[in-house]
Amino acid sequence: MGRILEELMTIADLDHALEQSQGRPLLLFKHSLTCPISARGLLELEAYLEEPDTRVDYRLIVVQNARTVSDAAASRLEIKHETPQAILITDGRAVWHASHWDITSEAIKEATSNVVAADRNAPS
């Protein structure tokens, strides 16, 4: 997984990631260290990240390490907090999200592909 999935630890990290989503889609993954369903969701994300779309940025919030960041993300993106949770963001707005058993490598691949295709077809 390495450097492709950077962990957000502060509100400033979240702000920076949301700012960057103005130019590149961002996939944000909220993870709980104590939840077996979240562990499975993380495995699905890791499977996707074996061949990620390089036009998308990837960030992780570990809820136990950064609860205030997780809460801020839920508030700013207007999405009820859940873990695991995958949120695809463009222009600072959530355009797709999934939680629990709906997080699969295929669902992530489809969502990122659709967002990248939409960005490519958008008028400049």
C-alpha atoms as a PDB file:
ATOM      1  CA  MET A   1       0.000   0.000   0.000  1.00  0.00           C
ATOM      2  CA  GLY A   2       2.838   2.345   0.916  1.00  0.00           C
ATOM      3  CA  ARG A   3       2.743   6.018   0.000  1.00  0.00           C
ATOM      4  CA  ILE A   4      -0.277   5.886  -2.271  1.00  0.00           C
ATOM      5  CA  LEU A   5      -2.672   5.816   0.721  1.00  0.00           C
ATOM      6  CA  GLU A   6      -1.678   8.676   2.990  1.00  0.00           C
ATOM      7  CA  GLU A   7      -3.240   8.949   6.439  1.00  0.00           C
ATOM      8  CA  LEU A   8      -4.945  12.215   7.371  1.00  0.00           C
ATOM      9  CA  MET A   9      -4.076  13.107  10.969  1.00  0.00           C
ATOM     10  CA  THR A  10      -5.158  16.738  11.301  1.00  0.00           C
ATOM     11  CA  ILE A  11      -7.924  19.058  10.161  1.00  0.00           C
ATOM     12  CA  ALA A  12      -5.258  20.858   8.099  1.00  0.00           C
ATOM     13  CA  ASP A  13      -4.508  17.540   6.333  1.00  0.00           C
ATOM     14  CA  LEU A  14      -8.231  17.165   5.553  1.00  0.00           C
ATOM     15  CA  ASP A  15      -8.478  20.759   4.326  1.00  0.00           C
ATOM     16  CA  HIS A  16      -5.484  20.236   2.041  1.00  0.00           C
ATOM     17  CA  ALA A  17      -6.904  16.980   0.631  1.00  0.00           C
ATOM     18  CA  LEU A  18     -10.302  18.598  -0.035  1.00  0.00           C
ATOM     19  CA  GLU A  19      -8.556  21.548  -1.705  1.00  0.00           C
ATOM     20  CA  GLN A  20      -6.616  19.192  -3.955  1.00  0.00           C
ATOM     21  CA  SER A  21      -9.886  17.544  -4.995  1.00  0.00           C
ATOM     22  CA  GLN A  22     -10.559  20.701  -7.002  1.00  0.00           C
ATOM     23  CA  GLY A  23      -8.105  19.399  -9.590  1.00  0.00           C
ATOM     24  CA  ARG A  24      -8.046  15.619  -8.996  1.00  0.00           C
ATOM     25  CA  PRO A  25     -10.632  13.193  -7.668  1.00  0.00           C
ATOM     26  CA  LEU A  26      -9.982  12.000  -4.113  1.00  0.00           C
ATOM     27  CA  LEU A  27     -10.963   8.673  -2.593  1.00  0.00           C
ATOM     28  CA  LEU A  28     -11.224   8.977   1.183  1.00  0.00           C
ATOM     29  CA  PHE A  29     -11.407   5.773   3.225  1.00  0.00           C
ATOM     30  CA  LYS A  30     -12.584   5.894   6.853  1.00  0.00           C
ATOM     31  CA  HIS A  31     -11.358   2.897   8.828  1.00  0.00           C
ATOM     32  CA  SER A  32     -11.882   1.527  12.331  1.00  0.00           C
ATOM     33  CA  LEU A  33      -9.083  -0.556  13.842  1.00  0.00           C
ATOM     34  CA  THR A  34     -11.540  -2.507  15.996  1.00  0.00           C
ATOM     35  CA  CYS A  35     -14.206  -3.473  13.458  1.00  0.00           C
ATOM     36  CA  PRO A  36     -13.906  -6.729  11.482  1.00  0.00           C
ATOM     37  CA  ILE A  37     -16.153  -5.360   8.722  1.00  0.00           C
ATOM     38  CA  SER A  38     -13.811  -2.378   8.430  1.00  0.00           C
ATOM     39  CA  ALA A  39     -10.833  -4.751   8.184  1.00  0.00           C
ATOM     40  CA  ARG A  40     -12.564  -6.493   5.284  1.00  0.00           C
ATOM     41  CA  GLY A  41     -13.315  -3.137   3.629  1.00  0.00           C
ATOM     42  CA  LEU A  42      -9.659  -2.189   3.938  1.00  0.00           C
ATOM     43  CA  LEU A  43      -8.678  -5.470   2.273  1.00  0.00           C
ATOM     44  CA  GLU A  44     -11.008  -4.599  -0.621  1.00  0.00           C
ATOM     45  CA  LEU A  45      -9.404  -1.166  -0.905  1.00  0.00           C
ATOM     46  CA  GLU A  46      -5.925  -2.718  -0.819  1.00  0.00           C
ATOM     47  CA  ALA A  47      -6.958  -5.126  -3.594  1.00  0.00           C
ATOM     48  CA  TYR A  48      -8.091  -2.153  -5.693  1.00  0.00           C
ATOM     49  CA  LEU A  49      -4.848  -0.300  -4.908  1.00  0.00           C
ATOM     50  CA  GLU A  50      -2.810  -3.100  -6.478  1.00  0.00           C
ATOM     51  CA  GLU A  51      -3.725  -1.411  -9.790  1.00  0.00           C
ATOM     52  CA  PRO A  52      -5.066   2.029  -8.827  1.00  0.00           C
ATOM     53  CA  ASP A  53      -6.184   4.744 -11.186  1.00  0.00           C
ATOM     54  CA  THR A  54      -3.217   7.107 -11.064  1.00  0.00           C
ATOM     55  CA  ARG A  55      -5.484  10.084 -11.828  1.00  0.00           C
ATOM     56  CA  VAL A  56      -7.057   9.752  -8.354  1.00  0.00           C
ATOM     57  CA  ASP A  57      -5.586  10.649  -4.945  1.00  0.00           C
ATOM     58  CA  TYR A  58      -6.122   8.279  -2.004  1.00  0.00           C
ATOM     59  CA  ARG A  59      -6.339   9.192   1.685  1.00  0.00           C
ATOM     60  CA  LEU A  60      -7.110   7.271   4.869  1.00  0.00           C
ATOM     61  CA  ILE A  61      -8.680   8.347   8.129  1.00  0.00           C
ATOM     62  CA  VAL A  62      -8.173   5.879  10.973  1.00  0.00           C
ATOM     63  CA  VAL A  63     -10.988   6.877  13.292  1.00  0.00           C
ATOM     64  CA  GLN A  64      -9.144   5.900  16.483  1.00  0.00           C
ATOM     65  CA  ASN A  65      -6.144   8.045  15.456  1.00  0.00           C
ATOM     66  CA  ALA A  66      -8.060  11.093  14.233  1.00  0.00           C
ATOM     67  CA  ARG A  67     -11.652  11.204  15.459  1.00  0.00           C
ATOM     68  CA  THR A  68     -11.917  14.980  14.995  1.00  0.00           C
ATOM     69  CA  VAL A  69     -10.771  14.610  11.374  1.00  0.00           C
ATOM     70  CA  SER A  70     -13.357  11.881  10.804  1.00  0.00           C
ATOM     71  CA  ASP A  71     -16.102  14.044  12.322  1.00  0.00           C
ATOM     72  CA  ALA A  72     -15.012  17.053  10.247  1.00  0.00           C
ATOM     73  CA  ALA A  73     -15.069  14.976   7.060  1.00  0.00           C
ATOM     74  CA  ALA A  74     -18.602  13.765   7.808  1.00  0.00           C
ATOM     75  CA  SER A  75     -19.765  17.312   8.509  1.00  0.00           C
ATOM     76  CA  ARG A  76     -18.072  18.981   5.537  1.00  0.00           C
ATOM     77  CA  LEU A  77     -19.111  16.299   3.070  1.00  0.00           C
ATOM     78  CA  GLU A  78     -22.628  16.050   4.564  1.00  0.00           C
ATOM     79  CA  ILE A  79     -22.422  12.267   4.832  1.00  0.00           C
ATOM     80  CA  LYS A  80     -23.365  10.357   7.961  1.00  0.00           C
ATOM     81  CA  HIS A  81     -20.274   8.860   9.609  1.00  0.00           C
ATOM     82  CA  GLU A  82     -19.831   5.121   9.147  1.00  0.00           C
ATOM     83  CA  THR A  83     -16.892   2.745   9.196  1.00  0.00           C
ATOM     84  CA  PRO A  84     -15.757   1.405   6.988  1.00  0.00           C
ATOM     85  CA  GLN A  85     -16.657   4.105   4.530  1.00  0.00           C
ATOM     86  CA  ALA A  86     -15.303   4.979   1.095  1.00  0.00           C
ATOM     87  CA  ILE A  87     -16.058   8.467  -0.205  1.00  0.00           C
ATOM     88  CA  LEU A  88     -15.162   9.708  -3.670  1.00  0.00           C
ATOM     89  CA  ILE A  89     -14.762  13.486  -3.803  1.00  0.00           C
ATOM     90  CA  THR A  90     -14.447  15.975  -6.634  1.00  0.00           C
ATOM     91  CA  ASP A  91     -14.388  19.742  -6.252  1.00  0.00           C
ATOM     92  CA  GLY A  92     -14.706  19.360  -2.474  1.00  0.00           C
ATOM     93  CA  ARG A  93     -18.020  17.467  -2.788  1.00  0.00           C
ATOM     94  CA  ALA A  94     -18.850  13.827  -2.274  1.00  0.00           C
ATOM     95  CA  VAL A  95     -19.987  12.304  -5.561  1.00  0.00           C
ATOM     96  CA  TRP A  96     -20.124   8.640  -4.462  1.00  0.00           C
ATOM     97  CA  HIS A  97     -19.889   6.772  -1.205  1.00  0.00           C
ATOM     98  CA  ALA A  98     -20.252   3.251   0.098  1.00  0.00           C
ATOM     99  CA  SER A  99     -20.039   1.634   3.495  1.00  0.00           C
ATOM    100  CA  HIS A 100     -19.802  -1.753   5.122  1.00  0.00           C
ATOM    101  CA  TRP A 101     -20.344  -4.687   2.728  1.00  0.00           C
ATOM    102  CA  ASP A 102     -20.900  -2.353  -0.245  1.00  0.00           C
ATOM    103  CA  ILE A 103     -17.174  -1.564  -0.295  1.00  0.00           C
ATOM    104  CA  THR A 104     -15.615  -3.880  -2.854  1.00  0.00           C
ATOM    105  CA  SER A 105     -12.607  -3.474  -5.104  1.00  0.00           C
ATOM    106  CA  GLU A 106     -14.962  -3.646  -8.105  1.00  0.00           C
ATOM    107  CA  ALA A 107     -17.293  -0.952  -6.703  1.00  0.00           C
ATOM    108  CA  ILE A 108     -14.312   1.334  -6.070  1.00  0.00           C
ATOM    109  CA  LYS A 109     -12.934   0.674  -9.553  1.00  0.00           C
ATOM    110  CA  GLU A 110     -16.290   1.430 -11.179  1.00  0.00           C
ATOM    111  CA  ALA A 111     -16.823   4.622  -9.168  1.00  0.00           C
ATOM    112  CA  THR A 112     -13.328   5.993  -9.818  1.00  0.00           C
ATOM    113  CA  SER A 113     -13.556   5.118 -13.521  1.00  0.00           C
ATOM    114  CA  ASN A 114     -16.904   6.902 -13.819  1.00  0.00           C
ATOM    115  CA  VAL A 115     -15.633  10.032 -12.072  1.00  0.00           C
ATOM    116  CA  VAL A 116     -12.438  10.187 -14.129  1.00  0.00           C
ATOM    117  CA  ALA A 117     -14.459   9.720 -17.349  1.00  0.00           C
ATOM    118  CA  ALA A 118     -16.889  12.479 -16.292  1.00  0.00           C
ATOM    119  CA  ASP A 119     -13.979  14.844 -15.532  1.00  0.00           C
ATOM    120  CA  ARG A 120     -12.445  14.124 -18.918  1.00  0.00           C
ATOM    121  CA  ASN A 121     -15.759  14.896 -20.672  1.00  0.00           C
ATOM    122  CA  ALA A 122     -16.545  18.054 -18.686  1.00  0.00           C
ATOM    123  CA  PRO A 123     -16.344  21.356 -20.576  1.00  0.00           C
ATOM    124  CA  SER A 124     -13.260  23.426 -19.750  1.00  0.00           C
END
